[in-house]
Amino acid sequence: MSYKILILGASYGSLLGTKFLMAGHDVTLVCRTATASLINTEGTDVRIKLKDEDAHRSILSKDQPGKLNALTPEEVNVSDYDLVGLAMQEPQYANESLRALLGKVAAAGLPCLSIMNMPPLAYLRRLPGLDVSEITSAFTDASVWDGFAPGTVTLCSPDPQAFRPPEEGANVLHVGLPTNFKTARFESDAHNEILTTLEADVNNVRLDGKDVPVKLRVFDTLFVPLAKWSMLLTGNYRCITEGEPRAIREAVHSDVDLSRDVYGFVDAVAQKLGASPDELVPYDKYAKAAEGLLKPSSAARAVAGGSAVIERVDKMVQMIARALDMDHAEVNRTVATVDAQLAKNASAG
C-alpha cells in the first residue's frame, strides 16, 4: 500500500522523505515559499555514502518511484495525508502559520512521527510518572501541543547527522553519519500498521543492488527515543561555548572522563523515567561515533550565527532531572552557558 506523507521541514525532513520516496510513497514537504518553489522545480538532492563506498551518492527525488512536492503551511489540506512527520526545529512551531497547521493536524487526529531532537510535549505526556507541567518553560511555546491526543504522537531517536552545505541550494542535504531512525509505536493499531509498513518498505530499498543506510526501526517501548538525550547533553550542547563553537568530537573527547559522567547521568534520568539499560546506547559506542563528528552541532552553529532561540533539550533534561531529585554540575554549567549566549544574542538583536 502506498501512503501520502506530510513532512513539516524540508531540511532534515528531506532525508526521511527521500527514504519514503525510494520505497514508493508520496511525500509533501512543508517549507517557506522560496524553498517550496525550488523543490517543486528541481526536486531534492540527498547525498549519502553507501557501505564500502568512498564517495557520497546523490539521491535525487525526481528519480524515485514516489512523488514529491512542496507546499507552504497555508496551502496544506490535512485530509490529503495518512501520516505527518515533524522535522522542524521546535521553536519554528510557534510561527503563526505553523501553529495553525499543527492545530488542523491535531483536530484531524492524524498520526505524527517526530524526528525532532526536542520531543513534542504531547509525546512526553505518554511517559508514566512524568509531570509535564514542570517542564513547559523549556519549550518556546508549549501550548502548540495542547490539541494533540498523546497516543497520536510518537518520537524517533533522530541519530543521523546531516546538514545543508552552505554553498548549495536549500534543496540539498549532506548526510555525514547515516544511522537509523529508531521510533516508538503509536497507541492505535491502525497507526502502527502505517509505521510497520513503512519500516518494511524502507528496509527493502536498494540502490544499484546495494543496501541504502538510514532505516526506520519500530520498537514497542516508549523509551528507545530517549537514548538521544545523553548524546545531545554530552556532545551537541557542549559545543556551545562563550567563544567560537567547537566540534562535537572536541566537546566529547577533550575530557573523556567528564563526558562519560555526563552521559551516564542523563542515561540515569531516562532509566528513572522507566527506560531499561538495553533500550539506551552505551557510552563507548557513542564516543566512537563522535570521533567522526568534526563539525559543531546545529544548535551551536545557530547560536554562533546570532540565533536567540533554539531547541532546549539541555534545559528540558535539567528540569526533568530536578523533578526527579537529580542534579549534575556539568549539565547545570552547560545550561547556564547556553542561557547566557542566547541572552547575549537577544540583546544584540
C-alpha atoms as a PDB file:
ATOM      1  CA  MET A   1       0.000   0.000   0.000  1.00  0.00           C
ATOM      2  CA  SER A   2       1.226   3.477  -0.871  1.00  0.00           C
ATOM      3  CA  TYR A   3       0.858   6.258   1.695  1.00  0.00           C
ATOM      4  CA  LYS A   4       0.727  10.040   1.388  1.00  0.00           C
ATOM      5  CA  ILE A   5       3.052  11.596   3.950  1.00  0.00           C
ATOM      6  CA  LEU A   6       3.253  15.234   5.010  1.00  0.00           C
ATOM      7  CA  ILE A   7       6.618  16.283   6.453  1.00  0.00           C
ATOM      8  CA  LEU A   8       6.964  19.631   8.206  1.00  0.00           C
ATOM      9  CA  GLY A   9      10.509  20.729   7.422  1.00  0.00           C
ATOM     10  CA  ALA A  10      12.428  20.446   4.147  1.00  0.00           C
ATOM     11  CA  SER A  11      15.961  20.211   5.518  1.00  0.00           C
ATOM     12  CA  TYR A  12      16.351  17.222   7.863  1.00  0.00           C
ATOM     13  CA  GLY A  13      12.896  16.152   6.725  1.00  0.00           C
ATOM     14  CA  SER A  14      14.173  15.560   3.191  1.00  0.00           C
ATOM     15  CA  LEU A  15      16.290  12.649   4.480  1.00  0.00           C
ATOM     16  CA  LEU A  16      13.291  10.776   5.880  1.00  0.00           C
ATOM     17  CA  GLY A  17      11.229  11.909   2.910  1.00  0.00           C
ATOM     18  CA  THR A  18      13.758  10.548   0.430  1.00  0.00           C
ATOM     19  CA  LYS A  19      13.680   7.120   2.058  1.00  0.00           C
ATOM     20  CA  PHE A  20       9.872   7.115   1.780  1.00  0.00           C
ATOM     21  CA  LEU A  21      10.087   8.204  -1.883  1.00  0.00           C
ATOM     22  CA  MET A  22      12.543   5.404  -2.622  1.00  0.00           C
ATOM     23  CA  ALA A  23      10.045   2.974  -1.073  1.00  0.00           C
ATOM     24  CA  GLY A  24       7.256   4.209  -3.383  1.00  0.00           C
ATOM     25  CA  HIS A  25       5.341   6.529  -1.048  1.00  0.00           C
ATOM     26  CA  ASP A  26       4.336  10.102  -1.909  1.00  0.00           C
ATOM     27  CA  VAL A  27       5.769  12.947   0.173  1.00  0.00           C
ATOM     28  CA  THR A  28       4.907  16.614   0.652  1.00  0.00           C
ATOM     29  CA  LEU A  29       7.492  18.836   2.326  1.00  0.00           C
ATOM     30  CA  VAL A  30       6.213  21.920   4.176  1.00  0.00           C
ATOM     31  CA  CYS A  31       8.566  24.887   3.964  1.00  0.00           C
ATOM     32  CA  ARG A  32       8.914  28.552   3.045  1.00  0.00           C
ATOM     33  CA  THR A  33       7.703  29.876  -0.310  1.00  0.00           C
ATOM     34  CA  ALA A  34      11.151  30.213  -1.907  1.00  0.00           C
ATOM     35  CA  THR A  35      12.257  26.737  -0.783  1.00  0.00           C
ATOM     36  CA  ALA A  36       8.965  25.206  -1.945  1.00  0.00           C
ATOM     37  CA  SER A  37       9.400  26.797  -5.365  1.00  0.00           C
ATOM     38  CA  LEU A  38      12.972  25.466  -5.615  1.00  0.00           C
ATOM     39  CA  ILE A  39      11.933  21.935  -4.613  1.00  0.00           C
ATOM     40  CA  ASN A  40       8.948  21.906  -6.973  1.00  0.00           C
ATOM     41  CA  THR A  41      11.243  22.988  -9.807  1.00  0.00           C
ATOM     42  CA  GLU A  42      14.407  20.984  -9.133  1.00  0.00           C
ATOM     43  CA  GLY A  43      13.441  18.332  -6.563  1.00  0.00           C
ATOM     44  CA  THR A  44      15.704  17.394  -3.656  1.00  0.00           C
ATOM     45  CA  ASP A  45      19.248  16.027  -3.591  1.00  0.00           C
ATOM     46  CA  VAL A  46      20.183  13.932  -0.549  1.00  0.00           C
ATOM     47  CA  ARG A  47      23.846  12.910  -0.514  1.00  0.00           C
ATOM     48  CA  ILE A  48      24.664   9.750   1.364  1.00  0.00           C
ATOM     49  CA  LYS A  49      27.531   7.269   1.462  1.00  0.00           C
ATOM     50  CA  LEU A  50      26.749   3.617   0.877  1.00  0.00           C
ATOM     51  CA  LYS A  51      28.618   0.891   2.738  1.00  0.00           C
ATOM     52  CA  ASP A  52      32.127   0.220   1.379  1.00  0.00           C
ATOM     53  CA  GLU A  53      31.978   3.271  -0.895  1.00  0.00           C
ATOM     54  CA  ASP A  54      34.332   6.237  -0.501  1.00  0.00           C
ATOM     55  CA  ALA A  55      32.215   8.918  -2.136  1.00  0.00           C
ATOM     56  CA  HIS A  56      28.718  10.172  -1.364  1.00  0.00           C
ATOM     57  CA  ARG A  57      25.904   9.319  -3.782  1.00  0.00           C
ATOM     58  CA  SER A  58      23.376  11.941  -4.850  1.00  0.00           C
ATOM     59  CA  ILE A  59      19.889  10.517  -4.415  1.00  0.00           C
ATOM     60  CA  LEU A  60      17.562  12.728  -6.442  1.00  0.00           C
ATOM     61  CA  SER A  61      13.866  12.862  -5.643  1.00  0.00           C
ATOM     62  CA  LYS A  62      12.998  13.012  -9.351  1.00  0.00           C
ATOM     63  CA  ASP A  63      14.498   9.549  -9.855  1.00  0.00           C
ATOM     64  CA  GLN A  64      12.334   7.831  -7.220  1.00  0.00           C
ATOM     65  CA  PRO A  65       9.061   5.899  -7.624  1.00  0.00           C
ATOM     66  CA  GLY A  66       7.285   8.084  -5.067  1.00  0.00           C
ATOM     67  CA  LYS A  67       6.171  11.601  -5.952  1.00  0.00           C
ATOM     68  CA  LEU A  68       7.470  14.709  -4.153  1.00  0.00           C
ATOM     69  CA  ASN A  69       6.023  18.182  -3.889  1.00  0.00           C
ATOM     70  CA  ALA A  70       6.436  21.106  -1.519  1.00  0.00           C
ATOM     71  CA  LEU A  71       3.864  23.473  -0.034  1.00  0.00           C
ATOM     72  CA  THR A  72       3.743  26.396   2.358  1.00  0.00           C
ATOM     73  CA  PRO A  73       1.804  25.788   5.605  1.00  0.00           C
ATOM     74  CA  GLU A  74      -1.190  27.768   4.356  1.00  0.00           C
ATOM     75  CA  GLU A  75      -1.522  25.568   1.247  1.00  0.00           C
ATOM     76  CA  VAL A  76      -1.807  22.243   3.081  1.00  0.00           C
ATOM     77  CA  ASN A  77      -5.076  20.288   3.182  1.00  0.00           C
ATOM     78  CA  VAL A  78      -4.512  17.831   6.029  1.00  0.00           C
ATOM     79  CA  SER A  79      -7.262  15.492   4.786  1.00  0.00           C
ATOM     80  CA  ASP A  80      -4.959  14.506   1.913  1.00  0.00           C
ATOM     81  CA  TYR A  81      -2.486  12.673   4.168  1.00  0.00           C
ATOM     82  CA  ASP A  82      -2.087   9.427   6.112  1.00  0.00           C
ATOM     83  CA  LEU A  83       0.887  10.397   8.297  1.00  0.00           C
ATOM     84  CA  VAL A  84       2.637  13.595   9.389  1.00  0.00           C
ATOM     85  CA  GLY A  85       6.366  13.874  10.006  1.00  0.00           C
ATOM     86  CA  LEU A  86       7.596  16.599  12.378  1.00  0.00           C
ATOM     87  CA  ALA A  87      11.068  17.604  11.206  1.00  0.00           C
ATOM     88  CA  MET A  88      11.427  21.292  12.073  1.00  0.00           C
ATOM     89  CA  GLN A  89      13.283  22.807  14.994  1.00  0.00           C
ATOM     90  CA  GLU A  90      10.919  23.139  17.956  1.00  0.00           C
ATOM     91  CA  PRO A  91      10.907  26.982  18.038  1.00  0.00           C
ATOM     92  CA  GLN A  92       9.579  27.118  14.472  1.00  0.00           C
ATOM     93  CA  TYR A  93       6.217  25.679  15.508  1.00  0.00           C
ATOM     94  CA  ALA A  94       5.436  28.893  17.383  1.00  0.00           C
ATOM     95  CA  ASN A  95       5.136  30.624  13.997  1.00  0.00           C
ATOM     96  CA  GLU A  96       1.522  31.628  13.388  1.00  0.00           C
ATOM     97  CA  SER A  97       1.095  29.681  10.134  1.00  0.00           C
ATOM     98  CA  LEU A  98       2.735  26.536  11.518  1.00  0.00           C
ATOM     99  CA  ARG A  99       0.757  26.760  14.755  1.00  0.00           C
ATOM    100  CA  ALA A 100      -2.426  26.890  12.681  1.00  0.00           C
ATOM    101  CA  LEU A 101      -1.329  23.873  10.626  1.00  0.00           C
ATOM    102  CA  LEU A 102      -0.478  21.883  13.765  1.00  0.00           C
ATOM    103  CA  GLY A 103      -3.942  22.692  15.092  1.00  0.00           C
ATOM    104  CA  LYS A 104      -5.526  21.226  11.954  1.00  0.00           C
ATOM    105  CA  VAL A 105      -3.320  18.110  12.186  1.00  0.00           C
ATOM    106  CA  ALA A 106      -4.302  17.623  15.832  1.00  0.00           C
ATOM    107  CA  ALA A 107      -8.012  18.145  15.130  1.00  0.00           C
ATOM    108  CA  ALA A 108      -7.874  15.568  12.311  1.00  0.00           C
ATOM    109  CA  GLY A 109      -6.286  13.008  14.651  1.00  0.00           C
ATOM    110  CA  LEU A 110      -3.513  12.283  12.146  1.00  0.00           C
ATOM    111  CA  PRO A 111      -0.629  10.174  13.455  1.00  0.00           C
ATOM    112  CA  CYS A 112       2.543  12.263  13.870  1.00  0.00           C
ATOM    113  CA  LEU A 113       6.062  10.850  13.691  1.00  0.00           C
ATOM    114  CA  SER A 114       8.553  13.305  15.196  1.00  0.00           C
ATOM    115  CA  ILE A 115      12.231  13.311  14.236  1.00  0.00           C
ATOM    116  CA  MET A 116      12.877  16.454  16.284  1.00  0.00           C
ATOM    117  CA  ASN A 117      15.622  16.488  18.896  1.00  0.00           C
ATOM    118  CA  MET A 118      13.163  18.215  21.226  1.00  0.00           C
ATOM    119  CA  PRO A 119      10.352  15.734  21.897  1.00  0.00           C
ATOM    120  CA  PRO A 120       6.849  17.119  21.347  1.00  0.00           C
ATOM    121  CA  LEU A 121       5.170  17.767  24.667  1.00  0.00           C
ATOM    122  CA  ALA A 122       2.317  15.503  23.582  1.00  0.00           C
ATOM    123  CA  TYR A 123       4.760  12.584  23.390  1.00  0.00           C
ATOM    124  CA  LEU A 124       6.189  13.322  26.826  1.00  0.00           C
ATOM    125  CA  ARG A 125       2.647  13.035  28.196  1.00  0.00           C
ATOM    126  CA  ARG A 126       2.817   9.343  27.254  1.00  0.00           C
ATOM    127  CA  LEU A 127       5.678   8.718  29.708  1.00  0.00           C
ATOM    128  CA  PRO A 128       4.345   7.359  33.012  1.00  0.00           C
ATOM    129  CA  GLY A 129       5.202   9.357  36.096  1.00  0.00           C
ATOM    130  CA  LEU A 130       6.369  12.496  34.270  1.00  0.00           C
ATOM    131  CA  ASP A 131       4.566  15.709  35.223  1.00  0.00           C
ATOM    132  CA  VAL A 132       4.981  17.784  32.061  1.00  0.00           C
ATOM    133  CA  SER A 133       3.681  20.908  33.812  1.00  0.00           C
ATOM    134  CA  GLU A 134       7.106  21.180  35.445  1.00  0.00           C
ATOM    135  CA  ILE A 135       8.998  21.401  32.125  1.00  0.00           C
ATOM    136  CA  THR A 136       6.826  23.572  29.874  1.00  0.00           C
ATOM    137  CA  SER A 137       9.164  26.564  30.194  1.00  0.00           C
ATOM    138  CA  ALA A 138      11.820  24.611  28.272  1.00  0.00           C
ATOM    139  CA  PHE A 139       9.600  24.921  25.194  1.00  0.00           C
ATOM    140  CA  THR A 140       9.332  28.026  23.048  1.00  0.00           C
ATOM    141  CA  ASP A 141       5.536  27.733  23.220  1.00  0.00           C
ATOM    142  CA  ALA A 142       4.281  24.568  24.903  1.00  0.00           C
ATOM    143  CA  SER A 143       0.646  25.396  24.062  1.00  0.00           C
ATOM    144  CA  VAL A 144       1.058  24.362  20.404  1.00  0.00           C
ATOM    145  CA  TRP A 145       0.871  20.730  21.585  1.00  0.00           C
ATOM    146  CA  ASP A 146      -2.309  21.126  23.657  1.00  0.00           C
ATOM    147  CA  GLY A 147      -4.688  19.871  20.972  1.00  0.00           C
ATOM    148  CA  PHE A 148      -2.939  16.554  20.374  1.00  0.00           C
ATOM    149  CA  ALA A 149      -4.111  13.257  21.812  1.00  0.00           C
ATOM    150  CA  PRO A 150      -0.820  11.898  23.227  1.00  0.00           C
ATOM    151  CA  GLY A 151      -1.302   8.477  21.622  1.00  0.00           C
ATOM    152  CA  THR A 152      -1.259  10.019  18.134  1.00  0.00           C
ATOM    153  CA  VAL A 153       2.278  11.375  18.575  1.00  0.00           C
ATOM    154  CA  THR A 154       5.397   9.251  18.544  1.00  0.00           C
ATOM    155  CA  LEU A 155       9.107  10.008  18.549  1.00  0.00           C
ATOM    156  CA  CYS A 156      12.244   8.817  16.815  1.00  0.00           C
ATOM    157  CA  SER A 157      15.727   8.879  18.215  1.00  0.00           C
ATOM    158  CA  PRO A 158      16.971  11.140  15.398  1.00  0.00           C
ATOM    159  CA  ASP A 159      20.518   9.816  15.133  1.00  0.00           C
ATOM    160  CA  PRO A 160      21.599  10.571  11.534  1.00  0.00           C
ATOM    161  CA  GLN A 161      23.952  13.550  11.336  1.00  0.00           C
ATOM    162  CA  ALA A 162      23.083  15.714   8.326  1.00  0.00           C
ATOM    163  CA  PHE A 163      23.428  19.323   7.245  1.00  0.00           C
ATOM    164  CA  ARG A 164      22.752  21.662   4.384  1.00  0.00           C
ATOM    165  CA  PRO A 165      26.063  22.593   2.687  1.00  0.00           C
ATOM    166  CA  PRO A 166      26.156  26.401   2.938  1.00  0.00           C
ATOM    167  CA  GLU A 167      27.397  26.766  -0.630  1.00  0.00           C
ATOM    168  CA  GLU A 168      24.494  24.699  -2.037  1.00  0.00           C
ATOM    169  CA  GLY A 169      20.805  25.326  -2.547  1.00  0.00           C
ATOM    170  CA  ALA A 170      18.173  24.744   0.117  1.00  0.00           C
ATOM    171  CA  ASN A 171      17.162  21.505  -1.634  1.00  0.00           C
ATOM    172  CA  VAL A 172      20.497  19.768  -0.904  1.00  0.00           C
ATOM    173  CA  LEU A 173      21.229  17.711   2.231  1.00  0.00           C
ATOM    174  CA  HIS A 174      24.573  16.071   3.058  1.00  0.00           C
ATOM    175  CA  VAL A 175      24.428  13.060   5.389  1.00  0.00           C
ATOM    176  CA  GLY A 176      27.582  12.738   7.485  1.00  0.00           C
ATOM    177  CA  LEU A 177      26.649   9.864   9.805  1.00  0.00           C
ATOM    178  CA  PRO A 178      23.902   7.645   8.310  1.00  0.00           C
ATOM    179  CA  THR A 179      22.427   5.885  11.343  1.00  0.00           C
ATOM    180  CA  ASN A 180      18.838   4.722  11.815  1.00  0.00           C
ATOM    181  CA  PHE A 181      15.608   6.417  12.897  1.00  0.00           C
ATOM    182  CA  LYS A 182      14.507   4.354  15.915  1.00  0.00           C
ATOM    183  CA  THR A 183      10.863   5.030  16.730  1.00  0.00           C
ATOM    184  CA  ALA A 184       8.358   4.109  19.411  1.00  0.00           C
ATOM    185  CA  ARG A 185       4.907   2.890  18.459  1.00  0.00           C
ATOM    186  CA  PHE A 186       1.620   4.774  18.467  1.00  0.00           C
ATOM    187  CA  GLU A 187      -1.268   3.701  20.688  1.00  0.00           C
ATOM    188  CA  SER A 188      -3.538   2.797  17.755  1.00  0.00           C
ATOM    189  CA  ASP A 189      -3.128  -0.486  15.853  1.00  0.00           C
ATOM    190  CA  ALA A 190      -4.159   1.277  12.642  1.00  0.00           C
ATOM    191  CA  HIS A 191      -1.463   3.912  13.088  1.00  0.00           C
ATOM    192  CA  ASN A 192       1.091   1.242  13.946  1.00  0.00           C
ATOM    193  CA  GLU A 193       0.256  -0.587  10.733  1.00  0.00           C
ATOM    194  CA  ILE A 194       1.398   2.509   8.833  1.00  0.00           C
ATOM    195  CA  LEU A 195       4.674   2.529  10.781  1.00  0.00           C
ATOM    196  CA  THR A 196       5.445  -1.138  10.299  1.00  0.00           C
ATOM    197  CA  THR A 197       4.577  -0.989   6.589  1.00  0.00           C
ATOM    198  CA  LEU A 198       6.940   1.959   6.153  1.00  0.00           C
ATOM    199  CA  GLU A 199       9.598   0.150   8.177  1.00  0.00           C
ATOM    200  CA  ALA A 200       9.466  -2.891   5.881  1.00  0.00           C
ATOM    201  CA  ASP A 201       9.287  -0.830   2.677  1.00  0.00           C
ATOM    202  CA  VAL A 202      12.215   1.414   3.631  1.00  0.00           C
ATOM    203  CA  ASN A 203      14.335  -1.537   4.725  1.00  0.00           C
ATOM    204  CA  ASN A 204      13.799  -3.241   1.354  1.00  0.00           C
ATOM    205  CA  VAL A 205      15.104  -0.282  -0.674  1.00  0.00           C
ATOM    206  CA  ARG A 206      18.201  -0.986  -2.780  1.00  0.00           C
ATOM    207  CA  LEU A 207      20.334   1.299  -4.945  1.00  0.00           C
ATOM    208  CA  ASP A 208      22.220  -0.479  -7.734  1.00  0.00           C
ATOM    209  CA  GLY A 209      21.618  -3.667  -5.783  1.00  0.00           C
ATOM    210  CA  LYS A 210      23.156  -2.200  -2.622  1.00  0.00           C
ATOM    211  CA  ASP A 211      21.587  -1.588   0.765  1.00  0.00           C
ATOM    212  CA  VAL A 212      20.841   2.083   1.495  1.00  0.00           C
ATOM    213  CA  PRO A 213      21.642   3.370   5.027  1.00  0.00           C
ATOM    214  CA  VAL A 214      19.200   5.135   7.333  1.00  0.00           C
ATOM    215  CA  LYS A 215      16.391   2.735   8.144  1.00  0.00           C
ATOM    216  CA  LEU A 216      13.192   3.129  10.110  1.00  0.00           C
ATOM    217  CA  ARG A 217      13.161   0.801  13.136  1.00  0.00           C
ATOM    218  CA  VAL A 218       9.939   0.399  15.149  1.00  0.00           C
ATOM    219  CA  PHE A 219      10.062  -0.566  18.852  1.00  0.00           C
ATOM    220  CA  ASP A 220       7.346  -1.489  21.334  1.00  0.00           C
ATOM    221  CA  THR A 221       8.923   0.572  24.129  1.00  0.00           C
ATOM    222  CA  LEU A 222       8.357   4.293  24.631  1.00  0.00           C
ATOM    223  CA  PHE A 223      11.907   4.777  25.872  1.00  0.00           C
ATOM    224  CA  VAL A 224      14.209   3.959  22.934  1.00  0.00           C
ATOM    225  CA  PRO A 225      13.953   7.562  21.603  1.00  0.00           C
ATOM    226  CA  LEU A 226      15.233   8.875  24.968  1.00  0.00           C
ATOM    227  CA  ALA A 227      18.666   7.431  24.114  1.00  0.00           C
ATOM    228  CA  LYS A 228      19.306  10.619  22.134  1.00  0.00           C
ATOM    229  CA  TRP A 229      19.205  12.818  25.259  1.00  0.00           C
ATOM    230  CA  SER A 230      22.556  11.635  26.621  1.00  0.00           C
ATOM    231  CA  MET A 231      24.179  12.245  23.227  1.00  0.00           C
ATOM    232  CA  LEU A 232      22.774  15.763  22.994  1.00  0.00           C
ATOM    233  CA  LEU A 233      23.808  16.721  26.526  1.00  0.00           C
ATOM    234  CA  THR A 234      27.283  15.186  26.201  1.00  0.00           C
ATOM    235  CA  GLY A 235      28.085  16.434  22.709  1.00  0.00           C
ATOM    236  CA  ASN A 236      25.731  18.816  20.920  1.00  0.00           C
ATOM    237  CA  TYR A 237      25.033  21.394  23.633  1.00  0.00           C
ATOM    238  CA  ARG A 238      28.588  21.323  24.961  1.00  0.00           C
ATOM    239  CA  CYS A 239      29.689  22.567  21.524  1.00  0.00           C
ATOM    240  CA  ILE A 240      28.302  25.935  22.629  1.00  0.00           C
ATOM    241  CA  THR A 241      30.962  27.996  24.386  1.00  0.00           C
ATOM    242  CA  GLU A 242      31.476  31.603  25.367  1.00  0.00           C
ATOM    243  CA  GLY A 243      33.675  31.935  22.280  1.00  0.00           C
ATOM    244  CA  GLU A 244      33.656  30.098  18.973  1.00  0.00           C
ATOM    245  CA  PRO A 245      31.652  26.860  18.758  1.00  0.00           C
ATOM    246  CA  ARG A 246      33.638  23.644  18.925  1.00  0.00           C
ATOM    247  CA  ALA A 247      33.169  20.374  17.061  1.00  0.00           C
ATOM    248  CA  ILE A 248      31.177  17.559  18.639  1.00  0.00           C
ATOM    249  CA  ARG A 249      34.346  15.460  18.679  1.00  0.00           C
ATOM    250  CA  GLU A 250      36.137  18.088  20.743  1.00  0.00           C
ATOM    251  CA  ALA A 251      33.195  18.506  23.116  1.00  0.00           C
ATOM    252  CA  VAL A 252      33.184  14.761  23.795  1.00  0.00           C
ATOM    253  CA  HIS A 253      36.879  13.879  23.672  1.00  0.00           C
ATOM    254  CA  SER A 254      38.566  16.910  25.247  1.00  0.00           C
ATOM    255  CA  ASP A 255      37.680  15.427  28.649  1.00  0.00           C
ATOM    256  CA  VAL A 256      36.583  11.826  28.225  1.00  0.00           C
ATOM    257  CA  ASP A 257      36.000  11.176  31.930  1.00  0.00           C
ATOM    258  CA  LEU A 258      33.697  14.182  32.282  1.00  0.00           C
ATOM    259  CA  SER A 259      31.845  13.249  29.087  1.00  0.00           C
ATOM    260  CA  ARG A 260      31.323   9.712  30.334  1.00  0.00           C
ATOM    261  CA  ASP A 261      29.957  11.087  33.606  1.00  0.00           C
ATOM    262  CA  VAL A 262      27.506  13.443  31.865  1.00  0.00           C
ATOM    263  CA  TYR A 263      26.379  10.656  29.565  1.00  0.00           C
ATOM    264  CA  GLY A 264      25.834   8.290  32.475  1.00  0.00           C
ATOM    265  CA  PHE A 265      23.873  10.904  34.415  1.00  0.00           C
ATOM    266  CA  VAL A 266      21.456  11.559  31.548  1.00  0.00           C
ATOM    267  CA  ASP A 267      21.058   7.812  30.995  1.00  0.00           C
ATOM    268  CA  ALA A 268      20.201   7.534  34.698  1.00  0.00           C
ATOM    269  CA  VAL A 269      17.485  10.180  34.237  1.00  0.00           C
ATOM    270  CA  ALA A 270      15.997   8.150  31.364  1.00  0.00           C
ATOM    271  CA  GLN A 271      16.139   4.991  33.464  1.00  0.00           C
ATOM    272  CA  LYS A 272      14.385   6.688  36.360  1.00  0.00           C
ATOM    273  CA  LEU A 273      11.588   7.571  33.934  1.00  0.00           C
ATOM    274  CA  GLY A 274      11.298   3.885  33.061  1.00  0.00           C
ATOM    275  CA  ALA A 275      13.916   3.079  30.413  1.00  0.00           C
ATOM    276  CA  SER A 276      15.942  -0.099  30.757  1.00  0.00           C
ATOM    277  CA  PRO A 277      19.714  -0.061  30.043  1.00  0.00           C
ATOM    278  CA  ASP A 278      19.322  -2.206  26.909  1.00  0.00           C
ATOM    279  CA  GLU A 279      16.998   0.439  25.412  1.00  0.00           C
ATOM    280  CA  LEU A 280      19.782   3.029  25.554  1.00  0.00           C
ATOM    281  CA  VAL A 281      23.057   3.390  23.642  1.00  0.00           C
ATOM    282  CA  PRO A 282      26.296   2.557  25.506  1.00  0.00           C
ATOM    283  CA  TYR A 283      28.660   5.491  26.005  1.00  0.00           C
ATOM    284  CA  ASP A 284      31.585   3.781  24.259  1.00  0.00           C
ATOM    285  CA  LYS A 285      29.540   3.302  21.091  1.00  0.00           C
ATOM    286  CA  TYR A 286      28.556   6.970  21.093  1.00  0.00           C
ATOM    287  CA  ALA A 287      32.109   8.135  21.858  1.00  0.00           C
ATOM    288  CA  LYS A 288      33.445   6.154  18.907  1.00  0.00           C
ATOM    289  CA  ALA A 289      30.843   7.672  16.580  1.00  0.00           C
ATOM    290  CA  ALA A 290      31.680  11.145  17.930  1.00  0.00           C
ATOM    291  CA  GLU A 291      35.266  10.739  16.719  1.00  0.00           C
ATOM    292  CA  GLY A 292      33.959  11.347  13.214  1.00  0.00           C
ATOM    293  CA  LEU A 293      31.750  14.345  14.065  1.00  0.00           C
ATOM    294  CA  LEU A 294      34.110  17.095  13.023  1.00  0.00           C
ATOM    295  CA  LYS A 295      31.645  19.995  12.893  1.00  0.00           C
ATOM    296  CA  PRO A 296      29.815  21.896  15.640  1.00  0.00           C
ATOM    297  CA  SER A 297      26.241  20.802  16.283  1.00  0.00           C
ATOM    298  CA  SER A 298      23.369  22.591  14.540  1.00  0.00           C
ATOM    299  CA  ALA A 299      22.473  24.190  17.882  1.00  0.00           C
ATOM    300  CA  ALA A 300      25.992  25.559  18.260  1.00  0.00           C
ATOM    301  CA  ARG A 301      26.035  26.842  14.696  1.00  0.00           C
ATOM    302  CA  ALA A 302      22.701  28.581  15.262  1.00  0.00           C
ATOM    303  CA  VAL A 303      23.935  30.289  18.413  1.00  0.00           C
ATOM    304  CA  ALA A 304      27.168  31.325  16.703  1.00  0.00           C
ATOM    305  CA  GLY A 305      25.066  32.745  13.873  1.00  0.00           C
ATOM    306  CA  GLY A 306      23.158  35.002  16.263  1.00  0.00           C
ATOM    307  CA  SER A 307      20.005  32.995  16.982  1.00  0.00           C
ATOM    308  CA  ALA A 308      18.287  33.975  20.219  1.00  0.00           C
ATOM    309  CA  VAL A 309      16.015  30.914  20.302  1.00  0.00           C
ATOM    310  CA  ILE A 310      16.961  27.258  19.776  1.00  0.00           C
ATOM    311  CA  GLU A 311      15.661  23.852  20.859  1.00  0.00           C
ATOM    312  CA  ARG A 312      16.417  23.457  24.558  1.00  0.00           C
ATOM    313  CA  VAL A 313      16.752  19.742  25.190  1.00  0.00           C
ATOM    314  CA  ASP A 314      19.519  20.660  27.632  1.00  0.00           C
ATOM    315  CA  LYS A 315      17.125  22.705  29.772  1.00  0.00           C
ATOM    316  CA  MET A 316      14.328  20.148  29.445  1.00  0.00           C
ATOM    317  CA  VAL A 317      16.584  17.334  30.715  1.00  0.00           C
ATOM    318  CA  GLN A 318      17.815  19.540  33.571  1.00  0.00           C
ATOM    319  CA  MET A 319      14.190  20.249  34.592  1.00  0.00           C
ATOM    320  CA  ILE A 320      13.180  16.590  34.371  1.00  0.00           C
ATOM    321  CA  ALA A 321      16.223  15.612  36.438  1.00  0.00           C
ATOM    322  CA  ARG A 322      15.449  18.158  39.144  1.00  0.00           C
ATOM    323  CA  ALA A 323      11.835  16.985  39.265  1.00  0.00           C
ATOM    324  CA  LEU A 324      13.286  13.528  39.970  1.00  0.00           C
ATOM    325  CA  ASP A 325      15.620  14.954  42.672  1.00  0.00           C
ATOM    326  CA  MET A 326      18.684  14.530  40.434  1.00  0.00           C
ATOM    327  CA  ASP A 327      21.316  17.136  39.651  1.00  0.00           C
ATOM    328  CA  HIS A 328      24.636  17.381  37.799  1.00  0.00           C
ATOM    329  CA  ALA A 329      27.134  20.247  37.882  1.00  0.00           C
ATOM    330  CA  GLU A 330      28.256  19.942  34.244  1.00  0.00           C
ATOM    331  CA  VAL A 331      24.677  19.801  32.984  1.00  0.00           C
ATOM    332  CA  ASN A 332      23.959  22.938  35.012  1.00  0.00           C
ATOM    333  CA  ARG A 333      27.065  24.606  33.590  1.00  0.00           C
ATOM    334  CA  THR A 334      26.014  23.727  30.048  1.00  0.00           C
ATOM    335  CA  VAL A 335      22.503  25.109  30.547  1.00  0.00           C
ATOM    336  CA  ALA A 336      23.918  28.306  32.056  1.00  0.00           C
ATOM    337  CA  THR A 337      26.303  28.748  29.115  1.00  0.00           C
ATOM    338  CA  VAL A 338      23.522  28.285  26.570  1.00  0.00           C
ATOM    339  CA  ASP A 339      21.256  30.662  28.523  1.00  0.00           C
ATOM    340  CA  ALA A 340      23.983  33.315  28.559  1.00  0.00           C
ATOM    341  CA  GLN A 341      24.792  33.041  24.858  1.00  0.00           C
ATOM    342  CA  LEU A 342      21.136  33.206  23.840  1.00  0.00           C
ATOM    343  CA  ALA A 343      20.588  36.224  26.092  1.00  0.00           C
ATOM    344  CA  LYS A 344      23.625  37.861  24.533  1.00  0.00           C
ATOM    345  CA  ASN A 345      22.228  37.247  21.038  1.00  0.00           C
ATOM    346  CA  ALA A 346      18.809  38.558  22.055  1.00  0.00           C
ATOM    347  CA  SER A 347      20.390  41.719  23.412  1.00  0.00           C
ATOM    348  CA  ALA A 348      22.478  42.216  20.284  1.00  0.00           C
ATOM    349  CA  GLY A 349      19.481  41.557  18.034  1.00  0.00           C
END
